[in-house]
PDB file of N, CA and C in Angstrom:
ATOM      1  N   UNK A   1     -19.309 -25.570  28.351  1.00  0.00           N
ATOM      2  CA  UNK A   1     -19.001 -24.465  29.250  1.00  0.00           C
ATOM      3  C   UNK A   1     -17.567 -23.984  29.064  1.00  0.00           C
ATOM      4  N   UNK A   2     -16.611 -24.908  28.808  1.00  0.00           N
ATOM      5  CA  UNK A   2     -15.220 -24.532  28.658  1.00  0.00           C
ATOM      6  C   UNK A   2     -14.969 -23.655  27.459  1.00  0.00           C
ATOM      7  N   UNK A   3     -15.717 -23.883  26.340  1.00  0.00           N
ATOM      8  CA  UNK A   3     -15.549 -23.061  25.153  1.00  0.00           C
ATOM      9  C   UNK A   3     -15.974 -21.628  25.404  1.00  0.00           C
ATOM     10  N   UNK A   4     -17.031 -21.463  26.209  1.00  0.00           N
ATOM     11  CA  UNK A   4     -17.526 -20.115  26.529  1.00  0.00           C
ATOM     12  C   UNK A   4     -16.518 -19.352  27.369  1.00  0.00           C
ATOM     13  N   UNK A   5     -15.849 -20.053  28.294  1.00  0.00           N
ATOM     14  CA  UNK A   5     -14.829 -19.396  29.113  1.00  0.00           C
ATOM     15  C   UNK A   5     -13.635 -18.986  28.268  1.00  0.00           C
ATOM     16  N   UNK A   6     -13.279 -19.786  27.276  1.00  0.00           N
ATOM     17  CA  UNK A   6     -12.169 -19.462  26.386  1.00  0.00           C
ATOM     18  C   UNK A   6     -12.466 -18.214  25.574  1.00  0.00           C
ATOM     19  N   UNK A   7     -13.679 -18.141  25.036  1.00  0.00           N
ATOM     20  CA  UNK A   7     -14.073 -16.958  24.266  1.00  0.00           C
ATOM     21  C   UNK A   7     -14.147 -15.746  25.176  1.00  0.00           C
ATOM     22  N   UNK A   8     -14.699 -15.920  26.368  1.00  0.00           N
ATOM     23  CA  UNK A   8     -14.796 -14.801  27.306  1.00  0.00           C
ATOM     24  C   UNK A   8     -13.404 -14.291  27.684  1.00  0.00           C
ATOM     25  N   UNK A   9     -12.450 -15.213  27.839  1.00  0.00           N
ATOM     26  CA  UNK A   9     -11.077 -14.811  28.149  1.00  0.00           C
ATOM     27  C   UNK A   9     -10.447 -14.027  27.016  1.00  0.00           C
ATOM     28  N   UNK A  10     -10.707 -14.480  25.771  1.00  0.00           N
ATOM     29  CA  UNK A  10     -10.174 -13.750  24.624  1.00  0.00           C
ATOM     30  C   UNK A  10     -10.811 -12.376  24.492  1.00  0.00           C
ATOM     31  N   UNK A  11     -12.118 -12.292  24.750  1.00  0.00           N
ATOM     32  CA  UNK A  11     -12.805 -10.995  24.688  1.00  0.00           C
ATOM     33  C   UNK A  11     -12.238 -10.068  25.755  1.00  0.00           C
ATOM     34  N   UNK A  12     -12.008 -10.589  26.960  1.00  0.00           N
ATOM     35  CA  UNK A  12     -11.441  -9.766  28.033  1.00  0.00           C
ATOM     36  C   UNK A  12     -10.037  -9.297  27.674  1.00  0.00           C
ATOM     37  N   UNK A  13      -9.232 -10.200  27.100  1.00  0.00           N
ATOM     38  CA  UNK A  13      -7.877  -9.821  26.690  1.00  0.00           C
ATOM     39  C   UNK A  13      -7.922  -8.727  25.636  1.00  0.00           C
ATOM     40  N   UNK A  14      -8.786  -8.893  24.631  1.00  0.00           N
ATOM     41  CA  UNK A  14      -8.890  -7.880  23.579  1.00  0.00           C
ATOM     42  C   UNK A  14      -9.419  -6.559  24.136  1.00  0.00           C
ATOM     43  N   UNK A  15     -10.305  -6.637  25.117  1.00  0.00           N
ATOM     44  CA  UNK A  15     -10.794  -5.404  25.746  1.00  0.00           C
ATOM     45  C   UNK A  15      -9.671  -4.665  26.448  1.00  0.00           C
ATOM     46  N   UNK A  16      -8.836  -5.409  27.159  1.00  0.00           N
ATOM     47  CA  UNK A  16      -7.695  -4.793  27.838  1.00  0.00           C
ATOM     48  C   UNK A  16      -6.688  -4.246  26.833  1.00  0.00           C
ATOM     49  N   UNK A  17      -6.459  -4.995  25.763  1.00  0.00           N
ATOM     50  CA  UNK A  17      -5.543  -4.547  24.727  1.00  0.00           C
ATOM     51  C   UNK A  17      -6.077  -3.285  24.048  1.00  0.00           C
ATOM     52  N   UNK A  18      -7.379  -3.267  23.803  1.00  0.00           N
ATOM     53  CA  UNK A  18      -7.996  -2.099  23.185  1.00  0.00           C
ATOM     54  C   UNK A  18      -7.904  -0.867  24.054  1.00  0.00           C
ATOM     55  N   UNK A  19      -7.979  -1.055  25.364  1.00  0.00           N
ATOM     56  CA  UNK A  19      -7.876   0.082  26.275  1.00  0.00           C
ATOM     57  C   UNK A  19      -6.506   0.745  26.183  1.00  0.00           C
ATOM     58  N   UNK A  20      -5.518  -0.003  25.753  1.00  0.00           N
ATOM     59  CA  UNK A  20      -4.167   0.548  25.565  1.00  0.00           C
ATOM     60  C   UNK A  20      -3.976   1.047  24.137  1.00  0.00           C
ATOM     61  N   UNK A  21      -4.380   0.229  23.161  1.00  0.00           N
ATOM     62  CA  UNK A  21      -4.120   0.552  21.761  1.00  0.00           C
ATOM     63  C   UNK A  21      -4.916   1.749  21.241  1.00  0.00           C
ATOM     64  N   UNK A  22      -6.201   1.815  21.560  1.00  0.00           N
ATOM     65  CA  UNK A  22      -7.021   2.849  20.962  1.00  0.00           C
ATOM     66  C   UNK A  22      -6.628   4.264  21.375  1.00  0.00           C
ATOM     67  N   UNK A  23      -6.355   4.545  22.649  1.00  0.00           N
ATOM     68  CA  UNK A  23      -5.912   5.914  22.972  1.00  0.00           C
ATOM     69  C   UNK A  23      -4.586   6.279  22.306  1.00  0.00           C
ATOM     70  N   UNK A  24      -3.649   5.335  22.273  1.00  0.00           N
ATOM     71  CA  UNK A  24      -2.362   5.606  21.617  1.00  0.00           C
ATOM     72  C   UNK A  24      -2.583   5.844  20.133  1.00  0.00           C
ATOM     73  N   UNK A  25      -3.382   4.998  19.513  1.00  0.00           N
ATOM     74  CA  UNK A  25      -3.668   5.149  18.095  1.00  0.00           C
ATOM     75  C   UNK A  25      -4.406   6.432  17.774  1.00  0.00           C
ATOM     76  N   UNK A  26      -5.375   6.783  18.617  1.00  0.00           N
ATOM     77  CA  UNK A  26      -6.136   8.010  18.380  1.00  0.00           C
ATOM     78  C   UNK A  26      -5.237   9.239  18.487  1.00  0.00           C
ATOM     79  N   UNK A  27      -4.372   9.247  19.464  1.00  0.00           N
ATOM     80  CA  UNK A  27      -3.444  10.380  19.609  1.00  0.00           C
ATOM     81  C   UNK A  27      -2.500  10.438  18.407  1.00  0.00           C
ATOM     82  N   UNK A  28      -1.987   9.285  18.000  1.00  0.00           N
ATOM     83  CA  UNK A  28      -1.079   9.261  16.850  1.00  0.00           C
ATOM     84  C   UNK A  28      -1.793   9.700  15.576  1.00  0.00           C
ATOM     85  N   UNK A  29      -3.055   9.305  15.419  1.00  0.00           N
ATOM     86  CA  UNK A  29      -3.791   9.699  14.223  1.00  0.00           C
ATOM     87  C   UNK A  29      -4.164  11.176  14.239  1.00  0.00           C
ATOM     88  N   UNK A  30      -4.136  11.808  15.393  1.00  0.00           N
ATOM     89  CA  UNK A  30      -4.369  13.256  15.441  1.00  0.00           C
ATOM     90  C   UNK A  30      -3.199  14.023  14.830  1.00  0.00           C
ATOM     91  N   UNK A  31      -2.064  13.365  14.730  1.00  0.00           N
ATOM     92  CA  UNK A  31      -0.895  13.991  14.107  1.00  0.00           C
ATOM     93  C   UNK A  31      -1.153  14.224  12.617  1.00  0.00           C
ATOM     94  N   UNK A  32      -1.895  13.321  11.975  1.00  0.00           N
ATOM     95  CA  UNK A  32      -2.130  13.409  10.535  1.00  0.00           C
ATOM     96  C   UNK A  32      -2.836  14.714  10.156  1.00  0.00           C
ATOM     97  N   UNK A  33      -3.973  15.069  10.775  1.00  0.00           N
ATOM     98  CA  UNK A  33      -4.574  16.364  10.429  1.00  0.00           C
ATOM     99  C   UNK A  33      -3.668  17.535  10.781  1.00  0.00           C
ATOM    100  N   UNK A  34      -2.836  17.372  11.810  1.00  0.00           N
ATOM    101  CA  UNK A  34      -1.877  18.421  12.154  1.00  0.00           C
ATOM    102  C   UNK A  34      -0.866  18.638  11.041  1.00  0.00           C
ATOM    103  N   UNK A  35      -0.399  17.547  10.444  1.00  0.00           N
ATOM    104  CA  UNK A  35       0.536  17.639   9.316  1.00  0.00           C
ATOM    105  C   UNK A  35      -0.154  18.327   8.143  1.00  0.00           C
ATOM    106  N   UNK A  36      -1.392  17.901   7.853  1.00  0.00           N
ATOM    107  CA  UNK A  36      -2.124  18.500   6.729  1.00  0.00           C
ATOM    108  C   UNK A  36      -2.398  19.979   6.971  1.00  0.00           C
ATOM    109  N   UNK A  37      -2.719  20.347   8.216  1.00  0.00           N
ATOM    110  CA  UNK A  37      -2.949  21.751   8.534  1.00  0.00           C
ATOM    111  C   UNK A  37      -1.675  22.561   8.314  1.00  0.00           C
ATOM    112  N   UNK A  38      -0.543  22.049   8.798  1.00  0.00           N
ATOM    113  CA  UNK A  38       0.736  22.728   8.596  1.00  0.00           C
ATOM    114  C   UNK A  38       1.023  22.898   7.106  1.00  0.00           C
ATOM    115  N   UNK A  39       0.824  21.828   6.336  1.00  0.00           N
ATOM    116  CA  UNK A  39       1.106  21.896   4.903  1.00  0.00           C
ATOM    117  C   UNK A  39       0.187  22.902   4.208  1.00  0.00           C
ATOM    118  N   UNK A  40      -1.099  22.887   4.555  1.00  0.00           N
ATOM    119  CA  UNK A  40      -2.044  23.815   3.930  1.00  0.00           C
ATOM    120  C   UNK A  40      -1.717  25.261   4.295  1.00  0.00           C
ATOM    121  N   UNK A  41      -1.341  25.493   5.547  1.00  0.00           N
ATOM    122  CA  UNK A  41      -0.990  26.845   5.987  1.00  0.00           C
ATOM    123  C   UNK A  41       0.247  27.353   5.245  1.00  0.00           C
ATOM    124  N   UNK A  42       1.254  26.494   5.110  1.00  0.00           N
ATOM    125  CA  UNK A  42       2.461  26.872   4.377  1.00  0.00           C
ATOM    126  C   UNK A  42       2.161  27.098   2.892  1.00  0.00           C
ATOM    127  N   UNK A  43       1.284  26.270   2.343  1.00  0.00           N
ATOM    128  CA  UNK A  43       0.912  26.408   0.939  1.00  0.00           C
ATOM    129  C   UNK A  43       0.187  27.731   0.692  1.00  0.00           C
ATOM    130  N   UNK A  44      -0.721  28.083   1.605  1.00  0.00           N
ATOM    131  CA  UNK A  44      -1.442  29.346   1.454  1.00  0.00           C
ATOM    132  C   UNK A  44      -0.503  30.543   1.620  1.00  0.00           C
ATOM    133  N   UNK A  45       0.490  30.405   2.481  1.00  0.00           N
ATOM    134  CA  UNK A  45       1.411  31.515   2.729  1.00  0.00           C
ATOM    135  C   UNK A  45       2.455  31.668   1.619  1.00  0.00           C
ATOM    136  N   UNK A  46       2.941  30.535   1.078  1.00  0.00           N
ATOM    137  CA  UNK A  46       4.058  30.617   0.131  1.00  0.00           C
ATOM    138  C   UNK A  46       3.704  30.208  -1.291  1.00  0.00           C
ATOM    139  N   UNK A  47       2.600  29.510  -1.465  1.00  0.00           N
ATOM    140  CA  UNK A  47       2.251  29.024  -2.791  1.00  0.00           C
ATOM    141  C   UNK A  47       2.918  27.713  -3.153  1.00  0.00           C
ATOM    142  N   UNK A  48       3.738  27.153  -2.240  1.00  0.00           N
ATOM    143  CA  UNK A  48       4.399  25.860  -2.456  1.00  0.00           C
ATOM    144  C   UNK A  48       3.921  24.879  -1.390  1.00  0.00           C
ATOM    145  N   UNK A  49       3.589  23.660  -1.844  1.00  0.00           N
ATOM    146  CA  UNK A  49       3.162  22.630  -0.906  1.00  0.00           C
ATOM    147  C   UNK A  49       4.408  21.979  -0.304  1.00  0.00           C
ATOM    148  N   UNK A  50       4.610  22.134   1.012  1.00  0.00           N
ATOM    149  CA  UNK A  50       5.808  21.536   1.628  1.00  0.00           C
ATOM    150  C   UNK A  50       5.620  20.026   1.816  1.00  0.00           C
ATOM    151  N   UNK A  51       6.640  19.290   1.510  1.00  0.00           N
ATOM    152  CA  UNK A  51       6.564  17.846   1.755  1.00  0.00           C
ATOM    153  C   UNK A  51       7.014  17.566   3.186  1.00  0.00           C
ATOM    154  N   UNK A  52       6.335  16.638   3.808  1.00  0.00           N
ATOM    155  CA  UNK A  52       6.732  16.170   5.143  1.00  0.00           C
ATOM    156  C   UNK A  52       6.894  14.660   5.012  1.00  0.00           C
ATOM    157  N   UNK A  53       8.137  14.235   4.910  1.00  0.00           N
ATOM    158  CA  UNK A  53       8.428  12.814   4.691  1.00  0.00           C
ATOM    159  C   UNK A  53       8.607  12.083   6.023  1.00  0.00           C
ATOM    160  N   UNK A  54       8.707  10.775   5.925  1.00  0.00           N
ATOM    161  CA  UNK A  54       8.985   9.952   7.109  1.00  0.00           C
ATOM    162  C   UNK A  54      10.306  10.393   7.726  1.00  0.00           C
ATOM    163  N   UNK A  55      11.288  10.705   6.900  1.00  0.00           N
ATOM    164  CA  UNK A  55      12.590  11.164   7.409  1.00  0.00           C
ATOM    165  C   UNK A  55      12.424  12.461   8.207  1.00  0.00           C
ATOM    166  N   UNK A  56      11.579  13.376   7.720  1.00  0.00           N
ATOM    167  CA  UNK A  56      11.320  14.620   8.462  1.00  0.00           C
ATOM    168  C   UNK A  56      10.691  14.315   9.820  1.00  0.00           C
ATOM    169  N   UNK A  57       9.746  13.381   9.829  1.00  0.00           N
ATOM    170  CA  UNK A  57       9.101  13.002  11.086  1.00  0.00           C
ATOM    171  C   UNK A  57      10.065  12.375  12.066  1.00  0.00           C
ATOM    172  N   UNK A  58      10.945  11.504  11.559  1.00  0.00           N
ATOM    173  CA  UNK A  58      11.935  10.883  12.442  1.00  0.00           C
ATOM    174  C   UNK A  58      12.926  11.911  12.970  1.00  0.00           C
ATOM    175  N   UNK A  59      13.329  12.847  12.122  1.00  0.00           N
ATOM    176  CA  UNK A  59      14.215  13.921  12.589  1.00  0.00           C
ATOM    177  C   UNK A  59      13.534  14.752  13.663  1.00  0.00           C
ATOM    178  N   UNK A  60      12.258  15.074  13.446  1.00  0.00           N
ATOM    179  CA  UNK A  60      11.512  15.872  14.424  1.00  0.00           C
ATOM    180  C   UNK A  60      11.405  15.129  15.759  1.00  0.00           C
ATOM    181  N   UNK A  61      11.245  13.783  15.684  1.00  0.00           N
ATOM    182  CA  UNK A  61      11.114  12.975  16.899  1.00  0.00           C
ATOM    183  C   UNK A  61      12.466  12.694  17.547  1.00  0.00           C
ATOM    184  N   UNK A  62      13.570  13.080  16.887  1.00  0.00           N
ATOM    185  CA  UNK A  62      14.887  12.865  17.459  1.00  0.00           C
ATOM    186  C   UNK A  62      15.457  11.485  17.202  1.00  0.00           C
ATOM    187  N   UNK A  63      14.915  10.777  16.222  1.00  0.00           N
ATOM    188  CA  UNK A  63      15.411   9.442  15.891  1.00  0.00           C
ATOM    189  C   UNK A  63      16.499   9.576  14.833  1.00  0.00           C
ATOM    190  N   UNK A  64      17.626   8.937  15.071  1.00  0.00           N
ATOM    191  CA  UNK A  64      18.736   8.998  14.122  1.00  0.00           C
ATOM    192  C   UNK A  64      18.399   8.187  12.879  1.00  0.00           C
ATOM    193  N   UNK A  65      18.691   8.756  11.723  1.00  0.00           N
ATOM    194  CA  UNK A  65      18.435   8.072  10.465  1.00  0.00           C
ATOM    195  C   UNK A  65      19.606   7.168  10.119  1.00  0.00           C
ATOM    196  N   UNK A  66      19.335   6.030   9.456  1.00  0.00           N
ATOM    197  CA  UNK A  66      20.431   5.140   9.067  1.00  0.00           C
ATOM    198  C   UNK A  66      21.320   5.807   8.020  1.00  0.00           C
ATOM    199  N   UNK A  67      22.610   5.570   8.109  1.00  0.00           N
ATOM    200  CA  UNK A  67      23.575   6.150   7.168  1.00  0.00           C
ATOM    201  C   UNK A  67      24.096   5.104   6.204  1.00  0.00           C
ATOM    202  N   UNK A  68      23.209   4.405   5.542  1.00  0.00           N
ATOM    203  CA  UNK A  68      23.656   3.396   4.585  1.00  0.00           C
ATOM    204  C   UNK A  68      23.243   3.819   3.187  1.00  0.00           C
ATOM    205  N   UNK A  69      24.210   4.007   2.339  1.00  0.00           N
ATOM    206  CA  UNK A  69      23.949   4.434   0.968  1.00  0.00           C
ATOM    207  C   UNK A  69      23.416   3.286   0.121  1.00  0.00           C
ATOM    208  N   UNK A  70      23.568   2.052   0.593  1.00  0.00           N
ATOM    209  CA  UNK A  70      23.136   0.907  -0.198  1.00  0.00           C
ATOM    210  C   UNK A  70      21.716   0.454   0.116  1.00  0.00           C
ATOM    211  N   UNK A  71      21.115   0.990   1.138  1.00  0.00           N
ATOM    212  CA  UNK A  71      19.775   0.559   1.543  1.00  0.00           C
ATOM    213  C   UNK A  71      18.723   1.322   0.738  1.00  0.00           C
ATOM    214  N   UNK A  72      18.511   0.913  -0.484  1.00  0.00           N
ATOM    215  CA  UNK A  72      17.582   1.595  -1.380  1.00  0.00           C
ATOM    216  C   UNK A  72      16.149   1.547  -0.855  1.00  0.00           C
ATOM    217  N   UNK A  73      15.726   0.403  -0.337  1.00  0.00           N
ATOM    218  CA  UNK A  73      14.362   0.280   0.180  1.00  0.00           C
ATOM    219  C   UNK A  73      14.145   1.213   1.364  1.00  0.00           C
ATOM    220  N   UNK A  74      15.117   1.314   2.235  1.00  0.00           N
ATOM    221  CA  UNK A  74      15.014   2.213   3.386  1.00  0.00           C
ATOM    222  C   UNK A  74      14.944   3.658   2.923  1.00  0.00           C
ATOM    223  N   UNK A  75      15.783   4.021   1.973  1.00  0.00           N
ATOM    224  CA  UNK A  75      15.767   5.392   1.464  1.00  0.00           C
ATOM    225  C   UNK A  75      14.431   5.729   0.819  1.00  0.00           C
ATOM    226  N   UNK A  76      13.865   4.798   0.061  1.00  0.00           N
ATOM    227  CA  UNK A  76      12.562   5.018  -0.568  1.00  0.00           C
ATOM    228  C   UNK A  76      11.470   5.182   0.491  1.00  0.00           C
ATOM    229  N   UNK A  77      11.513   4.331   1.521  1.00  0.00           N
ATOM    230  CA  UNK A  77      10.509   4.424   2.587  1.00  0.00           C
ATOM    231  C   UNK A  77      10.605   5.771   3.307  1.00  0.00           C
ATOM    232  N   UNK A  78      11.826   6.225   3.557  1.00  0.00           N
ATOM    233  CA  UNK A  78      12.015   7.495   4.269  1.00  0.00           C
ATOM    234  C   UNK A  78      11.520   8.692   3.456  1.00  0.00           C
ATOM    235  N   UNK A  79      11.341   8.517   2.159  1.00  0.00           N
ATOM    236  CA  UNK A  79      10.840   9.598   1.318  1.00  0.00           C
ATOM    237  C   UNK A  79       9.314   9.621   1.223  1.00  0.00           C
ATOM    238  N   UNK A  80       8.619   8.585   1.704  1.00  0.00           N
ATOM    239  CA  UNK A  80       7.161   8.544   1.648  1.00  0.00           C
ATOM    240  C   UNK A  80       6.575   9.673   2.491  1.00  0.00           C
ATOM    241  N   UNK A  81       5.381  10.146   2.132  1.00  0.00           N
ATOM    242  CA  UNK A  81       4.712  11.158   2.953  1.00  0.00           C
ATOM    243  C   UNK A  81       4.373  10.607   4.339  1.00  0.00           C
ATOM    244  N   UNK A  82       4.747  11.342   5.346  1.00  0.00           N
ATOM    245  CA  UNK A  82       4.544  10.903   6.733  1.00  0.00           C
ATOM    246  C   UNK A  82       3.069  10.681   7.046  1.00  0.00           C
ATOM    247  N   UNK A  83       2.203  11.554   6.581  1.00  0.00           N
ATOM    248  CA  UNK A  83       0.779  11.426   6.907  1.00  0.00           C
ATOM    249  C   UNK A  83       0.203  10.120   6.362  1.00  0.00           C
ATOM    250  N   UNK A  84       0.566   9.736   5.154  1.00  0.00           N
ATOM    251  CA  UNK A  84       0.043   8.490   4.585  1.00  0.00           C
ATOM    252  C   UNK A  84       0.605   7.273   5.292  1.00  0.00           C
ATOM    253  N   UNK A  85       1.869   7.324   5.641  1.00  0.00           N
ATOM    254  CA  UNK A  85       2.479   6.201   6.371  1.00  0.00           C
ATOM    255  C   UNK A  85       1.802   6.026   7.728  1.00  0.00           C
ATOM    256  N   UNK A  86       1.539   7.129   8.422  1.00  0.00           N
ATOM    257  CA  UNK A  86       0.857   7.039   9.718  1.00  0.00           C
ATOM    258  C   UNK A  86      -0.547   6.478   9.556  1.00  0.00           C
ATOM    259  N   UNK A  87      -1.255   6.914   8.524  1.00  0.00           N
ATOM    260  CA  UNK A  87      -2.608   6.398   8.299  1.00  0.00           C
ATOM    261  C   UNK A  87      -2.591   4.893   8.082  1.00  0.00           C
ATOM    262  N   UNK A  88      -1.657   4.401   7.277  1.00  0.00           N
ATOM    263  CA  UNK A  88      -1.614   2.974   6.990  1.00  0.00           C
ATOM    264  C   UNK A  88      -1.051   2.156   8.144  1.00  0.00           C
ATOM    265  N   UNK A  89       0.018   2.639   8.768  1.00  0.00           N
ATOM    266  CA  UNK A  89       0.663   1.854   9.826  1.00  0.00           C
ATOM    267  C   UNK A  89      -0.080   1.888  11.156  1.00  0.00           C
ATOM    268  N   UNK A  90      -0.837   2.947  11.397  1.00  0.00           N
ATOM    269  CA  UNK A  90      -1.573   3.045  12.657  1.00  0.00           C
ATOM    270  C   UNK A  90      -3.053   2.814  12.432  1.00  0.00           C
ATOM    271  N   UNK A  91      -3.602   3.501  11.446  1.00  0.00           N
ATOM    272  CA  UNK A  91      -5.032   3.368  11.180  1.00  0.00           C
ATOM    273  C   UNK A  91      -5.428   1.978  10.739  1.00  0.00           C
ATOM    274  N   UNK A  92      -4.644   1.373   9.862  1.00  0.00           N
ATOM    275  CA  UNK A  92      -4.955   0.028   9.364  1.00  0.00           C
ATOM    276  C   UNK A  92      -5.051  -1.014  10.470  1.00  0.00           C
ATOM    277  N   UNK A  93      -4.026  -1.150  11.300  1.00  0.00           N
ATOM    278  CA  UNK A  93      -4.128  -2.127  12.389  1.00  0.00           C
ATOM    279  C   UNK A  93      -5.245  -1.814  13.388  1.00  0.00           C
ATOM    280  N   UNK A  94      -5.527  -0.536  13.626  1.00  0.00           N
ATOM    281  CA  UNK A  94      -6.622  -0.196  14.535  1.00  0.00           C
ATOM    282  C   UNK A  94      -7.968  -0.618  13.959  1.00  0.00           C
ATOM    283  N   UNK A  95      -8.162  -0.410  12.674  1.00  0.00           N
ATOM    284  CA  UNK A  95      -9.409  -0.837  12.034  1.00  0.00           C
ATOM    285  C   UNK A  95      -9.513  -2.357  12.043  1.00  0.00           C
ATOM    286  N   UNK A  96      -8.418  -3.036  11.733  1.00  0.00           N
ATOM    287  CA  UNK A  96      -8.420  -4.501  11.756  1.00  0.00           C
ATOM    288  C   UNK A  96      -8.709  -5.016  13.163  1.00  0.00           C
ATOM    289  N   UNK A  97      -8.115  -4.403  14.178  1.00  0.00           N
ATOM    290  CA  UNK A  97      -8.369  -4.796  15.562  1.00  0.00           C
ATOM    291  C   UNK A  97      -9.841  -4.604  15.909  1.00  0.00           C
ATOM    292  N   UNK A  98     -10.406  -3.460  15.503  1.00  0.00           N
ATOM    293  CA  UNK A  98     -11.812  -3.175  15.817  1.00  0.00           C
ATOM    294  C   UNK A  98     -12.728  -4.198  15.156  1.00  0.00           C
ATOM    295  N   UNK A  99     -12.464  -4.543  13.919  1.00  0.00           N
ATOM    296  CA  UNK A  99     -13.309  -5.522  13.217  1.00  0.00           C
ATOM    297  C   UNK A  99     -13.167  -6.907  13.834  1.00  0.00           C
ATOM    298  N   UNK A 100     -11.938  -7.308  14.160  1.00  0.00           N
ATOM    299  CA  UNK A 100     -11.722  -8.611  14.778  1.00  0.00           C
ATOM    300  C   UNK A 100     -12.395  -8.668  16.144  1.00  0.00           C
ATOM    301  N   UNK A 101     -12.261  -7.608  16.903  1.00  0.00           N
ATOM    302  CA  UNK A 101     -12.863  -7.543  18.228  1.00  0.00           C
ATOM    303  C   UNK A 101     -14.392  -7.609  18.130  1.00  0.00           C
ATOM    304  N   UNK A 102     -14.945  -6.928  17.147  1.00  0.00           N
ATOM    305  CA  UNK A 102     -16.399  -6.944  16.944  1.00  0.00           C
ATOM    306  C   UNK A 102     -16.883  -8.360  16.618  1.00  0.00           C
ATOM    307  N   UNK A 103     -16.159  -9.045  15.747  1.00  0.00           N
ATOM    308  CA  UNK A 103     -16.528 -10.416  15.392  1.00  0.00           C
ATOM    309  C   UNK A 103     -16.429 -11.342  16.596  1.00  0.00           C
ATOM    310  N   UNK A 104     -15.391 -11.165  17.399  1.00  0.00           N
ATOM    311  CA  UNK A 104     -15.227 -11.998  18.588  1.00  0.00           C
ATOM    312  C   UNK A 104     -16.331 -11.717  19.599  1.00  0.00           C
ATOM    313  N   UNK A 105     -16.737 -10.453  19.737  1.00  0.00           N
ATOM    314  CA  UNK A 105     -17.853 -10.113  20.621  1.00  0.00           C
ATOM    315  C   UNK A 105     -19.143 -10.776  20.157  1.00  0.00           C
ATOM    316  N   UNK A 106     -19.398 -10.745  18.851  1.00  0.00           N
ATOM    317  CA  UNK A 106     -20.606 -11.377  18.315  1.00  0.00           C
ATOM    318  C   UNK A 106     -20.582 -12.876  18.571  1.00  0.00           C
ATOM    319  N   UNK A 107     -19.407 -13.483  18.397  1.00  0.00           N
ATOM    320  CA  UNK A 107     -19.263 -14.921  18.636  1.00  0.00           C
ATOM    321  C   UNK A 107     -19.509 -15.248  20.109  1.00  0.00           C
ATOM    322  N   UNK A 108     -18.983 -14.402  20.985  1.00  0.00           N
ATOM    323  CA  UNK A 108     -19.174 -14.631  22.424  1.00  0.00           C
ATOM    324  C   UNK A 108     -20.639 -14.438  22.801  1.00  0.00           C
ATOM    325  N   UNK A 109     -21.314 -13.440  22.229  1.00  0.00           N
ATOM    326  CA  UNK A 109     -22.739 -13.231  22.520  1.00  0.00           C
ATOM    327  C   UNK A 109     -23.568 -14.402  22.026  1.00  0.00           C
ATOM    328  N   UNK A 110     -23.273 -14.897  20.819  1.00  0.00           N
ATOM    329  CA  UNK A 110     -24.001 -16.040  20.271  1.00  0.00           C
ATOM    330  C   UNK A 110     -23.782 -17.266  21.141  1.00  0.00           C
ATOM    331  N   UNK A 111     -22.582 -17.504  21.569  1.00  0.00           N
ATOM    332  CA  UNK A 111     -22.248 -18.641  22.419  1.00  0.00           C
ATOM    333  C   UNK A 111     -22.970 -18.514  23.771  1.00  0.00           C
ATOM    334  N   UNK A 112     -23.029 -17.283  24.291  1.00  0.00           N
ATOM    335  CA  UNK A 112     -23.697 -17.041  25.577  1.00  0.00           C
ATOM    336  C   UNK A 112     -25.186 -17.317  25.461  1.00  0.00           C
ATOM    337  N   UNK A 113     -25.815 -16.910  24.356  1.00  0.00           N
ATOM    338  CA  UNK A 113     -27.253 -17.143  24.168  1.00  0.00           C
ATOM    339  C   UNK A 113     -27.551 -18.619  23.976  1.00  0.00           C
ATOM    340  N   UNK A 114     -26.660 -19.348  23.310  1.00  0.00           N
ATOM    341  CA  UNK A 114     -26.845 -20.795  23.123  1.00  0.00           C
ATOM    342  C   UNK A 114     -26.719 -21.512  24.452  1.00  0.00           C
ATOM    343  N   UNK A 115     -25.732 -21.141  25.248  1.00  0.00           N
ATOM    344  CA  UNK A 115     -25.518 -21.771  26.558  1.00  0.00           C
ATOM    345  C   UNK A 115     -26.650 -21.441  27.518  1.00  0.00           C
ATOM    346  N   UNK A 116     -27.221 -20.242  27.421  1.00  0.00           N
ATOM    347  CA  UNK A 116     -28.285 -19.816  28.324  1.00  0.00           C
ATOM    348  C   UNK A 116     -29.602 -20.536  28.000  1.00  0.00           C
ATOM    349  N   UNK A 117     -29.750 -20.948  26.759  1.00  0.00           N
ATOM    350  CA  UNK A 117     -31.009 -21.579  26.344  1.00  0.00           C
ATOM    351  C   UNK A 117     -31.120 -23.002  26.776  1.00  0.00           C
TER     352      UNK A 117
END
């Protein structure tokens, strides 16, 4: 009985965590098509594909960029396309959370059916 309560507690915790993470993640992932729409609109209007880097996104959000000329890794990261970084940094953990949560739900259901029998 104690193992079932432990799994049920973890499922409840993940459910509560998901109620916070998924809306935030979904809203953040809506930014990606917005970036692509902006880029496509500018491309159709001017014939040049505008780049939107992580640095552009941080500037737009009002975050100060680091002023270190020696931080090569930071400079390289700030040059990455913002849409791809958002997809990997937000979409990846959300997908991993969903898969882990699904597996935990299946484990809890299996445990519940074994205990009920």
